[in-house]
Amino acid sequence: MLLKLLVNSIGMNQYQAKLITEIVFFTLSWLIQRFIIFKKKRTQAMIKEG
């Protein structure tokens, strides 16, 4: 959907749009994993150490 938006609506080159799309989704995935999915494990590890 983001790729189509960048290429069709904005008129961006498809290769540039693909690169931007990949970077955006990689960053979002990393942030979600870091702050939501693995949040409990870090908190529990800190409790056990302390």
PDB file of N, CA and C in Angstrom:
ATOM      1  N   MET A   1       0.831  -1.183   0.000  1.00  0.00           N
ATOM      2  CA  MET A   1       0.000   0.000   0.000  1.00  0.00           C
ATOM      3  C   MET A   1       0.882   1.256   0.000  1.00  0.00           C
ATOM      4  N   LEU A   2       1.879   1.273   0.849  1.00  0.00           N
ATOM      5  CA  LEU A   2       2.792   2.423   0.885  1.00  0.00           C
ATOM      6  C   LEU A   2       3.558   2.537  -0.430  1.00  0.00           C
ATOM      7  N   LEU A   3       3.967   1.408  -0.963  1.00  0.00           N
ATOM      8  CA  LEU A   3       4.695   1.402  -2.226  1.00  0.00           C
ATOM      9  C   LEU A   3       3.833   1.952  -3.359  1.00  0.00           C
ATOM     10  N   LYS A   4       2.582   1.513  -3.418  1.00  0.00           N
ATOM     11  CA  LYS A   4       1.660   2.023  -4.442  1.00  0.00           C
ATOM     12  C   LYS A   4       1.443   3.524  -4.279  1.00  0.00           C
ATOM     13  N   LEU A   5       1.311   3.973  -3.048  1.00  0.00           N
ATOM     14  CA  LEU A   5       1.111   5.398  -2.785  1.00  0.00           C
ATOM     15  C   LEU A   5       2.291   6.220  -3.294  1.00  0.00           C
ATOM     16  N   LEU A   6       3.487   5.763  -2.982  1.00  0.00           N
ATOM     17  CA  LEU A   6       4.677   6.503  -3.396  1.00  0.00           C
ATOM     18  C   LEU A   6       4.842   6.530  -4.913  1.00  0.00           C
ATOM     19  N   VAL A   7       4.564   5.407  -5.559  1.00  0.00           N
ATOM     20  CA  VAL A   7       4.770   5.327  -7.007  1.00  0.00           C
ATOM     21  C   VAL A   7       3.639   6.005  -7.772  1.00  0.00           C
ATOM     22  N   ASN A   8       2.392   5.670  -7.444  1.00  0.00           N
ATOM     23  CA  ASN A   8       1.260   6.160  -8.236  1.00  0.00           C
ATOM     24  C   ASN A   8       0.844   7.584  -7.884  1.00  0.00           C
ATOM     25  N   SER A   9       0.726   7.894  -6.626  1.00  0.00           N
ATOM     26  CA  SER A   9       0.226   9.211  -6.226  1.00  0.00           C
ATOM     27  C   SER A   9       1.296  10.296  -6.307  1.00  0.00           C
ATOM     28  N   ILE A  10       2.468   9.986  -5.818  1.00  0.00           N
ATOM     29  CA  ILE A  10       3.532  10.983  -5.776  1.00  0.00           C
ATOM     30  C   ILE A  10       4.348  10.976  -7.071  1.00  0.00           C
ATOM     31  N   GLY A  11       4.370   9.841  -7.759  1.00  0.00           N
ATOM     32  CA  GLY A  11       5.126   9.738  -8.998  1.00  0.00           C
ATOM     33  C   GLY A  11       6.599   9.454  -8.793  1.00  0.00           C
ATOM     34  N   MET A  12       6.928   8.847  -7.675  1.00  0.00           N
ATOM     35  CA  MET A  12       8.320   8.536  -7.359  1.00  0.00           C
ATOM     36  C   MET A  12       8.792   7.341  -8.193  1.00  0.00           C
ATOM     37  N   ASN A  13      10.072   7.288  -8.445  1.00  0.00           N
ATOM     38  CA  ASN A  13      10.685   6.152  -9.120  1.00  0.00           C
ATOM     39  C   ASN A  13      10.395   4.890  -8.311  1.00  0.00           C
ATOM     40  N   GLN A  14      10.066   3.781  -8.979  1.00  0.00           N
ATOM     41  CA  GLN A  14       9.680   2.568  -8.265  1.00  0.00           C
ATOM     42  C   GLN A  14      10.812   1.977  -7.432  1.00  0.00           C
ATOM     43  N   TYR A  15      12.043   2.148  -7.848  1.00  0.00           N
ATOM     44  CA  TYR A  15      13.173   1.613  -7.089  1.00  0.00           C
ATOM     45  C   TYR A  15      13.440   2.444  -5.828  1.00  0.00           C
ATOM     46  N   GLN A  16      13.305   3.737  -5.952  1.00  0.00           N
ATOM     47  CA  GLN A  16      13.443   4.600  -4.777  1.00  0.00           C
ATOM     48  C   GLN A  16      12.305   4.340  -3.796  1.00  0.00           C
ATOM     49  N   ALA A  17      11.104   4.169  -4.320  1.00  0.00           N
ATOM     50  CA  ALA A  17       9.946   3.906  -3.471  1.00  0.00           C
ATOM     51  C   ALA A  17      10.100   2.579  -2.736  1.00  0.00           C
ATOM     52  N   LYS A  18      10.631   1.577  -3.410  1.00  0.00           N
ATOM     53  CA  LYS A  18      10.857   0.270  -2.787  1.00  0.00           C
ATOM     54  C   LYS A  18      11.865   0.395  -1.652  1.00  0.00           C
ATOM     55  N   LEU A  19      12.929   1.127  -1.877  1.00  0.00           N
ATOM     56  CA  LEU A  19      13.945   1.321  -0.843  1.00  0.00           C
ATOM     57  C   LEU A  19      13.360   2.041   0.369  1.00  0.00           C
ATOM     58  N   ILE A  20      12.613   3.096   0.138  1.00  0.00           N
ATOM     59  CA  ILE A  20      11.988   3.843   1.233  1.00  0.00           C
ATOM     60  C   ILE A  20      11.005   2.963   1.993  1.00  0.00           C
ATOM     61  N   THR A  21      10.208   2.181   1.255  1.00  0.00           N
ATOM     62  CA  THR A  21       9.237   1.288   1.884  1.00  0.00           C
ATOM     63  C   THR A  21       9.932   0.265   2.772  1.00  0.00           C
ATOM     64  N   GLU A  22      11.003  -0.336   2.275  1.00  0.00           N
ATOM     65  CA  GLU A  22      11.744  -1.330   3.060  1.00  0.00           C
ATOM     66  C   GLU A  22      12.329  -0.716   4.331  1.00  0.00           C
ATOM     67  N   ILE A  23      12.881   0.468   4.222  1.00  0.00           N
ATOM     68  CA  ILE A  23      13.458   1.142   5.388  1.00  0.00           C
ATOM     69  C   ILE A  23      12.381   1.462   6.419  1.00  0.00           C
ATOM     70  N   VAL A  24      11.238   1.961   5.967  1.00  0.00           N
ATOM     71  CA  VAL A  24      10.139   2.303   6.876  1.00  0.00           C
ATOM     72  C   VAL A  24       9.644   1.063   7.611  1.00  0.00           C
ATOM     73  N   PHE A  25       9.395  -0.030   6.874  1.00  0.00           N
ATOM     74  CA  PHE A  25       8.868  -1.227   7.523  1.00  0.00           C
ATOM     75  C   PHE A  25       9.897  -1.912   8.414  1.00  0.00           C
ATOM     76  N   PHE A  26      11.169  -1.875   8.050  1.00  0.00           N
ATOM     77  CA  PHE A  26      12.210  -2.428   8.912  1.00  0.00           C
ATOM     78  C   PHE A  26      12.270  -1.661  10.228  1.00  0.00           C
ATOM     79  N   THR A  27      12.234  -0.333  10.139  1.00  0.00           N
ATOM     80  CA  THR A  27      12.291   0.508  11.334  1.00  0.00           C
ATOM     81  C   THR A  27      11.076   0.292  12.224  1.00  0.00           C
ATOM     82  N   LEU A  28       9.893   0.242  11.631  1.00  0.00           N
ATOM     83  CA  LEU A  28       8.680  -0.003  12.418  1.00  0.00           C
ATOM     84  C   LEU A  28       8.731  -1.365  13.106  1.00  0.00           C
ATOM     85  N   SER A  29       9.162  -2.371  12.387  1.00  0.00           N
ATOM     86  CA  SER A  29       9.263  -3.711  12.953  1.00  0.00           C
ATOM     87  C   SER A  29      10.236  -3.734  14.130  1.00  0.00           C
ATOM     88  N   TRP A  30      11.374  -3.093  13.965  1.00  0.00           N
ATOM     89  CA  TRP A  30      12.378  -3.059  15.025  1.00  0.00           C
ATOM     90  C   TRP A  30      11.846  -2.343  16.268  1.00  0.00           C
ATOM     91  N   LEU A  31      11.179  -1.214  16.058  1.00  0.00           N
ATOM     92  CA  LEU A  31      10.639  -0.454  17.185  1.00  0.00           C
ATOM     93  C   LEU A  31       9.557  -1.236  17.927  1.00  0.00           C
ATOM     94  N   ILE A  32       8.680  -1.881  17.188  1.00  0.00           N
ATOM     95  CA  ILE A  32       7.619  -2.672  17.812  1.00  0.00           C
ATOM     96  C   ILE A  32       8.217  -3.817  18.612  1.00  0.00           C
ATOM     97  N   GLN A  33       9.197  -4.499  18.049  1.00  0.00           N
ATOM     98  CA  GLN A  33       9.821  -5.605  18.770  1.00  0.00           C
ATOM     99  C   GLN A  33      10.552  -5.115  20.013  1.00  0.00           C
ATOM    100  N   ARG A  34      11.251  -4.023  19.889  1.00  0.00           N
ATOM    101  CA  ARG A  34      12.046  -3.520  21.014  1.00  0.00           C
ATOM    102  C   ARG A  34      11.188  -3.033  22.174  1.00  0.00           C
ATOM    103  N   PHE A  35      10.160  -2.266  21.869  1.00  0.00           N
ATOM    104  CA  PHE A  35       9.410  -1.614  22.936  1.00  0.00           C
ATOM    105  C   PHE A  35       8.125  -2.327  23.336  1.00  0.00           C
ATOM    106  N   ILE A  36       7.619  -3.235  22.537  1.00  0.00           N
ATOM    107  CA  ILE A  36       6.364  -3.901  22.878  1.00  0.00           C
ATOM    108  C   ILE A  36       6.570  -5.389  23.126  1.00  0.00           C
ATOM    109  N   ILE A  37       7.157  -6.085  22.171  1.00  0.00           N
ATOM    110  CA  ILE A  37       7.250  -7.536  22.263  1.00  0.00           C
ATOM    111  C   ILE A  37       8.252  -7.976  23.326  1.00  0.00           C
ATOM    112  N   PHE A  38       9.432  -7.392  23.356  1.00  0.00           N
ATOM    113  CA  PHE A  38      10.471  -7.830  24.282  1.00  0.00           C
ATOM    114  C   PHE A  38      10.552  -6.977  25.542  1.00  0.00           C
ATOM    115  N   LYS A  39       9.566  -6.153  25.788  1.00  0.00           N
ATOM    116  CA  LYS A  39       9.558  -5.287  26.959  1.00  0.00           C
ATOM    117  C   LYS A  39       9.511  -6.095  28.249  1.00  0.00           C
ATOM    118  N   LYS A  40       8.667  -7.104  28.307  1.00  0.00           N
ATOM    119  CA  LYS A  40       8.513  -7.901  29.521  1.00  0.00           C
ATOM    120  C   LYS A  40       9.795  -8.636  29.879  1.00  0.00           C
ATOM    121  N   LYS A  41      10.481  -9.162  28.893  1.00  0.00           N
ATOM    122  CA  LYS A  41      11.693  -9.920  29.168  1.00  0.00           C
ATOM    123  C   LYS A  41      12.770  -9.045  29.796  1.00  0.00           C
ATOM    124  N   ARG A  42      12.920  -7.816  29.289  1.00  0.00           N
ATOM    125  CA  ARG A  42      13.913  -6.907  29.870  1.00  0.00           C
ATOM    126  C   ARG A  42      13.534  -6.528  31.291  1.00  0.00           C
ATOM    127  N   THR A  43      12.259  -6.297  31.551  1.00  0.00           N
ATOM    128  CA  THR A  43      11.802  -5.920  32.882  1.00  0.00           C
ATOM    129  C   THR A  43      12.017  -7.066  33.862  1.00  0.00           C
ATOM    130  N   GLN A  44      11.699  -8.283  33.466  1.00  0.00           N
ATOM    131  CA  GLN A  44      11.882  -9.439  34.336  1.00  0.00           C
ATOM    132  C   GLN A  44      13.360  -9.689  34.611  1.00  0.00           C
ATOM    133  N   ALA A  45      14.210  -9.491  33.629  1.00  0.00           N
ATOM    134  CA  ALA A  45      15.647  -9.683  33.820  1.00  0.00           C
ATOM    135  C   ALA A  45      16.198  -8.656  34.797  1.00  0.00           C
ATOM    136  N   MET A  46      15.704  -7.439  34.750  1.00  0.00           N
ATOM    137  CA  MET A  46      16.157  -6.394  35.664  1.00  0.00           C
ATOM    138  C   MET A  46      15.729  -6.715  37.096  1.00  0.00           C
ATOM    139  N   ILE A  47      14.542  -7.269  37.258  1.00  0.00           N
ATOM    140  CA  ILE A  47      14.047  -7.623  38.587  1.00  0.00           C
ATOM    141  C   ILE A  47      14.901  -8.742  39.178  1.00  0.00           C
ATOM    142  N   LYS A  48      15.243  -9.745  38.373  1.00  0.00           N
ATOM    143  CA  LYS A  48      16.044 -10.872  38.853  1.00  0.00           C
ATOM    144  C   LYS A  48      17.455 -10.434  39.246  1.00  0.00           C
ATOM    145  N   GLU A  49      18.022  -9.485  38.504  1.00  0.00           N
ATOM    146  CA  GLU A  49      19.373  -9.015  38.808  1.00  0.00           C
ATOM    147  C   GLU A  49      19.410  -8.167  40.071  1.00  0.00           C
ATOM    148  N   GLY A  50      18.354  -7.401  40.294  1.00  0.00           N
ATOM    149  CA  GLY A  50      18.330  -6.429  41.385  1.00  0.00           C
ATOM    150  C   GLY A  50      17.970  -6.974  42.682  1.00  0.00           C
TER     151      GLY A  50
END
